[in-house]
Amino acid sequence: MPDLWVVSDESVMGGAPVIRGSRITVFSLLGRVQHGETITDIQADNPDLPREAIEAALIYARARPLIGRAGRRPWASAA
């Protein structure tokens, strides 16, 4: 199901996975949900997005966690 709604294209958002036909990244949606928003809240802000697209994006983002820099400065506590 996520493959129907989630695409990655270097010309759109630098290749970050987005909902097909939009510039909404799957990780931005996951962040919104993790901070307390519901799918209904997201749909209110984006009425053109089908619920299935949002659900697929969340499944995709949870299955492929974003890998990046550490959230804290590990050297700060060493001083």
PDB file of N, CA and C in Angstrom:
ATOM      1  N   MET A   1       0.801  -1.201   0.000  1.00  0.00           N
ATOM      2  CA  MET A   1       0.000   0.000   0.000  1.00  0.00           C
ATOM      3  C   MET A   1       0.845   1.268   0.000  1.00  0.00           C
ATOM      4  N   PRO A   2       1.906   1.381   0.830  1.00  0.00           N
ATOM      5  CA  PRO A   2       2.696   2.614   0.794  1.00  0.00           C
ATOM      6  C   PRO A   2       3.267   2.918  -0.589  1.00  0.00           C
ATOM      7  N   ASP A   3       3.591   1.875  -1.371  1.00  0.00           N
ATOM      8  CA  ASP A   3       4.186   2.120  -2.682  1.00  0.00           C
ATOM      9  C   ASP A   3       3.226   2.821  -3.640  1.00  0.00           C
ATOM     10  N   LEU A   4       1.937   2.737  -3.391  1.00  0.00           N
ATOM     11  CA  LEU A   4       0.969   3.428  -4.237  1.00  0.00           C
ATOM     12  C   LEU A   4       0.953   4.929  -3.970  1.00  0.00           C
ATOM     13  N   TRP A   5       1.274   5.308  -2.742  1.00  0.00           N
ATOM     14  CA  TRP A   5       1.152   6.703  -2.345  1.00  0.00           C
ATOM     15  C   TRP A   5       2.469   7.419  -2.115  1.00  0.00           C
ATOM     16  N   VAL A   6       3.532   6.690  -1.824  1.00  0.00           N
ATOM     17  CA  VAL A   6       4.809   7.322  -1.460  1.00  0.00           C
ATOM     18  C   VAL A   6       5.799   7.190  -2.614  1.00  0.00           C
ATOM     19  N   VAL A   7       6.401   8.315  -2.989  1.00  0.00           N
ATOM     20  CA  VAL A   7       7.389   8.317  -4.071  1.00  0.00           C
ATOM     21  C   VAL A   7       8.618   9.121  -3.641  1.00  0.00           C
ATOM     22  N   SER A   8       9.732   8.824  -4.270  1.00  0.00           N
ATOM     23  CA  SER A   8      10.968   9.591  -4.079  1.00  0.00           C
ATOM     24  C   SER A   8      11.471  10.009  -5.447  1.00  0.00           C
ATOM     25  N   ASP A   9      11.684  11.303  -5.612  1.00  0.00           N
ATOM     26  CA  ASP A   9      12.145  11.852  -6.882  1.00  0.00           C
ATOM     27  C   ASP A   9      13.131  12.963  -6.545  1.00  0.00           C
ATOM     28  N   GLU A  10      14.339  12.878  -7.087  1.00  0.00           N
ATOM     29  CA  GLU A  10      15.374  13.873  -6.794  1.00  0.00           C
ATOM     30  C   GLU A  10      14.922  15.309  -7.101  1.00  0.00           C
ATOM     31  N   SER A  11      13.999  15.475  -8.017  1.00  0.00           N
ATOM     32  CA  SER A  11      13.549  16.818  -8.374  1.00  0.00           C
ATOM     33  C   SER A  11      12.465  17.351  -7.432  1.00  0.00           C
ATOM     34  N   VAL A  12      12.003  16.528  -6.507  1.00  0.00           N
ATOM     35  CA  VAL A  12      10.983  16.944  -5.546  1.00  0.00           C
ATOM     36  C   VAL A  12      11.543  16.759  -4.142  1.00  0.00           C
ATOM     37  N   MET A  13      11.711  17.852  -3.432  1.00  0.00           N
ATOM     38  CA  MET A  13      12.200  17.837  -2.051  1.00  0.00           C
ATOM     39  C   MET A  13      13.524  17.090  -1.908  1.00  0.00           C
ATOM     40  N   GLY A  14      14.369  17.175  -2.915  1.00  0.00           N
ATOM     41  CA  GLY A  14      15.694  16.574  -2.865  1.00  0.00           C
ATOM     42  C   GLY A  14      15.699  15.062  -2.777  1.00  0.00           C
ATOM     43  N   GLY A  15      14.610  14.437  -3.174  1.00  0.00           N
ATOM     44  CA  GLY A  15      14.535  12.982  -3.150  1.00  0.00           C
ATOM     45  C   GLY A  15      13.952  12.400  -1.877  1.00  0.00           C
ATOM     46  N   ALA A  16      13.563  13.259  -0.950  1.00  0.00           N
ATOM     47  CA  ALA A  16      12.920  12.760   0.277  1.00  0.00           C
ATOM     48  C   ALA A  16      11.591  12.105  -0.099  1.00  0.00           C
ATOM     49  N   PRO A  17      11.204  11.037   0.576  1.00  0.00           N
ATOM     50  CA  PRO A  17       9.937  10.394   0.258  1.00  0.00           C
ATOM     51  C   PRO A  17       8.761  11.322   0.574  1.00  0.00           C
ATOM     52  N   VAL A  18       7.899  11.493  -0.410  1.00  0.00           N
ATOM     53  CA  VAL A  18       6.736  12.372  -0.283  1.00  0.00           C
ATOM     54  C   VAL A  18       5.477  11.629  -0.695  1.00  0.00           C
ATOM     55  N   ILE A  19       4.331  12.201  -0.358  1.00  0.00           N
ATOM     56  CA  ILE A  19       3.068  11.669  -0.849  1.00  0.00           C
ATOM     57  C   ILE A  19       2.970  12.040  -2.321  1.00  0.00           C
ATOM     58  N   ARG A  20       2.646  11.055  -3.140  1.00  0.00           N
ATOM     59  CA  ARG A  20       2.551  11.246  -4.595  1.00  0.00           C
ATOM     60  C   ARG A  20       1.688  12.472  -4.922  1.00  0.00           C
ATOM     61  N   GLY A  21       2.221  13.330  -5.777  1.00  0.00           N
ATOM     62  CA  GLY A  21       1.499  14.520  -6.213  1.00  0.00           C
ATOM     63  C   GLY A  21       1.573  15.692  -5.248  1.00  0.00           C
ATOM     64  N   SER A  22       2.415  15.569  -4.215  1.00  0.00           N
ATOM     65  CA  SER A  22       2.538  16.657  -3.244  1.00  0.00           C
ATOM     66  C   SER A  22       4.018  16.873  -2.903  1.00  0.00           C
ATOM     67  N   ARG A  23       4.251  17.842  -2.037  1.00  0.00           N
ATOM     68  CA  ARG A  23       5.596  18.083  -1.520  1.00  0.00           C
ATOM     69  C   ARG A  23       5.612  17.822  -0.011  1.00  0.00           C
ATOM     70  N   ILE A  24       4.683  17.009   0.448  1.00  0.00           N
ATOM     71  CA  ILE A  24       4.565  16.690   1.870  1.00  0.00           C
ATOM     72  C   ILE A  24       5.372  15.435   2.148  1.00  0.00           C
ATOM     73  N   THR A  25       6.427  15.580   2.962  1.00  0.00           N
ATOM     74  CA  THR A  25       7.280  14.427   3.232  1.00  0.00           C
ATOM     75  C   THR A  25       6.622  13.506   4.254  1.00  0.00           C
ATOM     76  N   VAL A  26       6.950  12.226   4.134  1.00  0.00           N
ATOM     77  CA  VAL A  26       6.396  11.246   5.067  1.00  0.00           C
ATOM     78  C   VAL A  26       6.891  11.519   6.482  1.00  0.00           C
ATOM     79  N   PHE A  27       8.110  12.032   6.610  1.00  0.00           N
ATOM     80  CA  PHE A  27       8.672  12.287   7.930  1.00  0.00           C
ATOM     81  C   PHE A  27       8.054  13.518   8.583  1.00  0.00           C
ATOM     82  N   SER A  28       7.611  14.489   7.792  1.00  0.00           N
ATOM     83  CA  SER A  28       6.920  15.641   8.382  1.00  0.00           C
ATOM     84  C   SER A  28       5.568  15.204   8.937  1.00  0.00           C
ATOM     85  N   LEU A  29       4.895  14.305   8.226  1.00  0.00           N
ATOM     86  CA  LEU A  29       3.617  13.790   8.728  1.00  0.00           C
ATOM     87  C   LEU A  29       3.827  12.978  10.001  1.00  0.00           C
ATOM     88  N   LEU A  30       4.854  12.142  10.014  1.00  0.00           N
ATOM     89  CA  LEU A  30       5.138  11.350  11.203  1.00  0.00           C
ATOM     90  C   LEU A  30       5.442  12.269  12.390  1.00  0.00           C
ATOM     91  N   GLY A  31       6.200  13.306  12.157  1.00  0.00           N
ATOM     92  CA  GLY A  31       6.502  14.260  13.225  1.00  0.00           C
ATOM     93  C   GLY A  31       5.249  14.910  13.780  1.00  0.00           C
ATOM     94  N   ARG A  32       4.337  15.263  12.911  1.00  0.00           N
ATOM     95  CA  ARG A  32       3.083  15.868  13.367  1.00  0.00           C
ATOM     96  C   ARG A  32       2.294  14.909  14.246  1.00  0.00           C
ATOM     97  N   VAL A  33       2.233  13.649  13.829  1.00  0.00           N
ATOM     98  CA  VAL A  33       1.497  12.650  14.610  1.00  0.00           C
ATOM     99  C   VAL A  33       2.195  12.394  15.949  1.00  0.00           C
ATOM    100  N   GLN A  34       3.519  12.326  15.923  1.00  0.00           N
ATOM    101  CA  GLN A  34       4.271  12.102  17.161  1.00  0.00           C
ATOM    102  C   GLN A  34       4.116  13.259  18.148  1.00  0.00           C
ATOM    103  N   HIS A  35       3.775  14.431  17.637  1.00  0.00           N
ATOM    104  CA  HIS A  35       3.572  15.593  18.507  1.00  0.00           C
ATOM    105  C   HIS A  35       2.103  15.822  18.848  1.00  0.00           C
ATOM    106  N   GLY A  36       1.268  14.811  18.590  1.00  0.00           N
ATOM    107  CA  GLY A  36      -0.108  14.859  19.081  1.00  0.00           C
ATOM    108  C   GLY A  36      -1.197  15.134  18.077  1.00  0.00           C
ATOM    109  N   GLU A  37      -0.857  15.441  16.844  1.00  0.00           N
ATOM    110  CA  GLU A  37      -1.909  15.676  15.862  1.00  0.00           C
ATOM    111  C   GLU A  37      -2.507  14.352  15.408  1.00  0.00           C
ATOM    112  N   THR A  38      -3.732  14.408  14.949  1.00  0.00           N
ATOM    113  CA  THR A  38      -4.404  13.220  14.436  1.00  0.00           C
ATOM    114  C   THR A  38      -4.453  13.292  12.914  1.00  0.00           C
ATOM    115  N   ILE A  39      -4.812  12.174  12.309  1.00  0.00           N
ATOM    116  CA  ILE A  39      -4.973  12.164  10.852  1.00  0.00           C
ATOM    117  C   ILE A  39      -6.066  13.144  10.449  1.00  0.00           C
ATOM    118  N   THR A  40      -7.088  13.272  11.263  1.00  0.00           N
ATOM    119  CA  THR A  40      -8.167  14.232  10.989  1.00  0.00           C
ATOM    120  C   THR A  40      -7.633  15.664  10.983  1.00  0.00           C
ATOM    121  N   ASP A  41      -6.733  15.978  11.922  1.00  0.00           N
ATOM    122  CA  ASP A  41      -6.118  17.312  11.957  1.00  0.00           C
ATOM    123  C   ASP A  41      -5.329  17.573  10.673  1.00  0.00           C
ATOM    124  N   ILE A  42      -4.575  16.568  10.250  1.00  0.00           N
ATOM    125  CA  ILE A  42      -3.757  16.707   9.042  1.00  0.00           C
ATOM    126  C   ILE A  42      -4.654  16.879   7.820  1.00  0.00           C
ATOM    127  N   GLN A  43      -5.747  16.117   7.767  1.00  0.00           N
ATOM    128  CA  GLN A  43      -6.676  16.253   6.644  1.00  0.00           C
ATOM    129  C   GLN A  43      -7.345  17.623   6.624  1.00  0.00           C
ATOM    130  N   ALA A  44      -7.598  18.194   7.793  1.00  0.00           N
ATOM    131  CA  ALA A  44      -8.195  19.531   7.845  1.00  0.00           C
ATOM    132  C   ALA A  44      -7.270  20.560   7.211  1.00  0.00           C
ATOM    133  N   ASP A  45      -5.948  20.387   7.412  1.00  0.00           N
ATOM    134  CA  ASP A  45      -4.967  21.293   6.816  1.00  0.00           C
ATOM    135  C   ASP A  45      -4.712  20.992   5.343  1.00  0.00           C
ATOM    136  N   ASN A  46      -4.961  19.746   4.931  1.00  0.00           N
ATOM    137  CA  ASN A  46      -4.685  19.294   3.556  1.00  0.00           C
ATOM    138  C   ASN A  46      -5.883  18.518   3.030  1.00  0.00           C
ATOM    139  N   PRO A  47      -6.972  19.215   2.710  1.00  0.00           N
ATOM    140  CA  PRO A  47      -8.211  18.517   2.329  1.00  0.00           C
ATOM    141  C   PRO A  47      -8.101  17.681   1.053  1.00  0.00           C
ATOM    142  N   ASP A  48      -7.085  17.912   0.237  1.00  0.00           N
ATOM    143  CA  ASP A  48      -6.923  17.134  -0.990  1.00  0.00           C
ATOM    144  C   ASP A  48      -6.251  15.785  -0.752  1.00  0.00           C
ATOM    145  N   LEU A  49      -5.687  15.575   0.446  1.00  0.00           N
ATOM    146  CA  LEU A  49      -5.005  14.310   0.733  1.00  0.00           C
ATOM    147  C   LEU A  49      -6.004  13.260   1.203  1.00  0.00           C
ATOM    148  N   PRO A  50      -6.062  12.142   0.518  1.00  0.00           N
ATOM    149  CA  PRO A  50      -6.925  11.061   1.010  1.00  0.00           C
ATOM    150  C   PRO A  50      -6.359  10.474   2.304  1.00  0.00           C
ATOM    151  N   ARG A  51      -7.233  10.015   3.142  1.00  0.00           N
ATOM    152  CA  ARG A  51      -6.820   9.388   4.403  1.00  0.00           C
ATOM    153  C   ARG A  51      -5.852   8.237   4.137  1.00  0.00           C
ATOM    154  N   GLU A  52      -6.109   7.470   3.082  1.00  0.00           N
ATOM    155  CA  GLU A  52      -5.254   6.333   2.744  1.00  0.00           C
ATOM    156  C   GLU A  52      -3.816   6.775   2.462  1.00  0.00           C
ATOM    157  N   ALA A  53      -3.665   7.938   1.848  1.00  0.00           N
ATOM    158  CA  ALA A  53      -2.324   8.454   1.543  1.00  0.00           C
ATOM    159  C   ALA A  53      -1.580   8.796   2.828  1.00  0.00           C
ATOM    160  N   ILE A  54      -2.282   9.402   3.765  1.00  0.00           N
ATOM    161  CA  ILE A  54      -1.661   9.763   5.039  1.00  0.00           C
ATOM    162  C   ILE A  54      -1.282   8.500   5.807  1.00  0.00           C
ATOM    163  N   GLU A  55      -2.183   7.531   5.857  1.00  0.00           N
ATOM    164  CA  GLU A  55      -1.897   6.277   6.556  1.00  0.00           C
ATOM    165  C   GLU A  55      -0.709   5.559   5.918  1.00  0.00           C
ATOM    166  N   ALA A  56      -0.660   5.541   4.595  1.00  0.00           N
ATOM    167  CA  ALA A  56       0.454   4.894   3.897  1.00  0.00           C
ATOM    168  C   ALA A  56       1.770   5.610   4.199  1.00  0.00           C
ATOM    169  N   ALA A  57       1.738   6.932   4.236  1.00  0.00           N
ATOM    170  CA  ALA A  57       2.944   7.704   4.536  1.00  0.00           C
ATOM    171  C   ALA A  57       3.448   7.403   5.945  1.00  0.00           C
ATOM    172  N   LEU A  58       2.536   7.271   6.884  1.00  0.00           N
ATOM    173  CA  LEU A  58       2.923   6.965   8.260  1.00  0.00           C
ATOM    174  C   LEU A  58       3.522   5.567   8.363  1.00  0.00           C
ATOM    175  N   ILE A  59       2.938   4.607   7.665  1.00  0.00           N
ATOM    176  CA  ILE A  59       3.489   3.248   7.645  1.00  0.00           C
ATOM    177  C   ILE A  59       4.894   3.268   7.069  1.00  0.00           C
ATOM    178  N   TYR A  60       5.072   3.971   5.963  1.00  0.00           N
ATOM    179  CA  TYR A  60       6.376   4.074   5.306  1.00  0.00           C
ATOM    180  C   TYR A  60       7.409   4.692   6.251  1.00  0.00           C
ATOM    181  N   ALA A  61       7.049   5.813   6.873  1.00  0.00           N
ATOM    182  CA  ALA A  61       7.996   6.527   7.739  1.00  0.00           C
ATOM    183  C   ALA A  61       8.379   5.697   8.961  1.00  0.00           C
ATOM    184  N   ARG A  62       7.431   4.978   9.517  1.00  0.00           N
ATOM    185  CA  ARG A  62       7.739   4.148  10.690  1.00  0.00           C
ATOM    186  C   ARG A  62       8.603   2.951  10.319  1.00  0.00           C
ATOM    187  N   ALA A  63       8.407   2.434   9.108  1.00  0.00           N
ATOM    188  CA  ALA A  63       9.173   1.262   8.666  1.00  0.00           C
ATOM    189  C   ALA A  63      10.593   1.627   8.251  1.00  0.00           C
ATOM    190  N   ARG A  64      10.814   2.891   7.891  1.00  0.00           N
ATOM    191  CA  ARG A  64      12.126   3.347   7.429  1.00  0.00           C
ATOM    192  C   ARG A  64      12.517   4.601   8.199  1.00  0.00           C
ATOM    193  N   PRO A  65      12.959   4.445   9.446  1.00  0.00           N
ATOM    194  CA  PRO A  65      13.277   5.620  10.267  1.00  0.00           C
ATOM    195  C   PRO A  65      14.337   6.509   9.616  1.00  0.00           C
ATOM    196  N   LEU A  66      14.177   7.790   9.819  1.00  0.00           N
ATOM    197  CA  LEU A  66      15.117   8.771   9.291  1.00  0.00           C
ATOM    198  C   LEU A  66      16.428   8.663  10.051  1.00  0.00           C
ATOM    199  N   ILE A  67      17.513   8.505   9.328  1.00  0.00           N
ATOM    200  CA  ILE A  67      18.831   8.394   9.945  1.00  0.00           C
ATOM    201  C   ILE A  67      19.566   9.702   9.707  1.00  0.00           C
ATOM    202  N   GLY A  68      20.111  10.239  10.758  1.00  0.00           N
ATOM    203  CA  GLY A  68      20.809  11.513  10.612  1.00  0.00           C
ATOM    204  C   GLY A  68      21.690  11.771  11.799  1.00  0.00           C
ATOM    205  N   ARG A  69      21.919  13.029  12.039  1.00  0.00           N
ATOM    206  CA  ARG A  69      22.788  13.418  13.147  1.00  0.00           C
ATOM    207  C   ARG A  69      22.142  13.088  14.485  1.00  0.00           C
ATOM    208  N   ALA A  70      22.994  12.920  15.458  1.00  0.00           N
ATOM    209  CA  ALA A  70      22.498  12.701  16.819  1.00  0.00           C
ATOM    210  C   ALA A  70      21.758  13.943  17.282  1.00  0.00           C
ATOM    211  N   GLY A  71      20.748  13.760  18.081  1.00  0.00           N
ATOM    212  CA  GLY A  71      19.942  14.874  18.546  1.00  0.00           C
ATOM    213  C   GLY A  71      20.629  15.730  19.593  1.00  0.00           C
ATOM    214  N   ARG A  72      21.620  15.201  20.252  1.00  0.00           N
ATOM    215  CA  ARG A  72      22.313  15.947  21.298  1.00  0.00           C
ATOM    216  C   ARG A  72      23.792  16.043  20.975  1.00  0.00           C
ATOM    217  N   ARG A  73      24.472  16.891  21.726  1.00  0.00           N
ATOM    218  CA  ARG A  73      25.919  17.016  21.584  1.00  0.00           C
ATOM    219  C   ARG A  73      26.577  16.120  22.624  1.00  0.00           C
ATOM    220  N   PRO A  74      27.028  14.919  22.284  1.00  0.00           N
ATOM    221  CA  PRO A  74      27.566  14.004  23.281  1.00  0.00           C
ATOM    222  C   PRO A  74      28.802  14.540  23.988  1.00  0.00           C
ATOM    223  N   TRP A  75      29.534  15.446  23.364  1.00  0.00           N
ATOM    224  CA  TRP A  75      30.737  15.982  23.970  1.00  0.00           C
ATOM    225  C   TRP A  75      30.404  17.017  25.053  1.00  0.00           C
ATOM    226  N   ALA A  76      29.193  17.567  25.059  1.00  0.00           N
ATOM    227  CA  ALA A  76      28.838  18.612  26.008  1.00  0.00           C
ATOM    228  C   ALA A  76      28.840  18.093  27.444  1.00  0.00           C
ATOM    229  N   SER A  77      28.398  16.862  27.667  1.00  0.00           N
ATOM    230  CA  SER A  77      28.328  16.324  29.020  1.00  0.00           C
ATOM    231  C   SER A  77      29.698  15.844  29.513  1.00  0.00           C
ATOM    232  N   ALA A  78      30.648  15.688  28.609  1.00  0.00           N
ATOM    233  CA  ALA A  78      31.976  15.218  28.991  1.00  0.00           C
ATOM    234  C   ALA A  78      32.805  16.309  29.651  1.00  0.00           C
ATOM    235  N   ALA A  79      32.456  17.560  29.429  1.00  0.00           N
ATOM    236  CA  ALA A  79      33.249  18.682  29.955  1.00  0.00           C
ATOM    237  C   ALA A  79      32.925  18.996  31.379  1.00  0.00           C
TER     238      ALA A  79
END
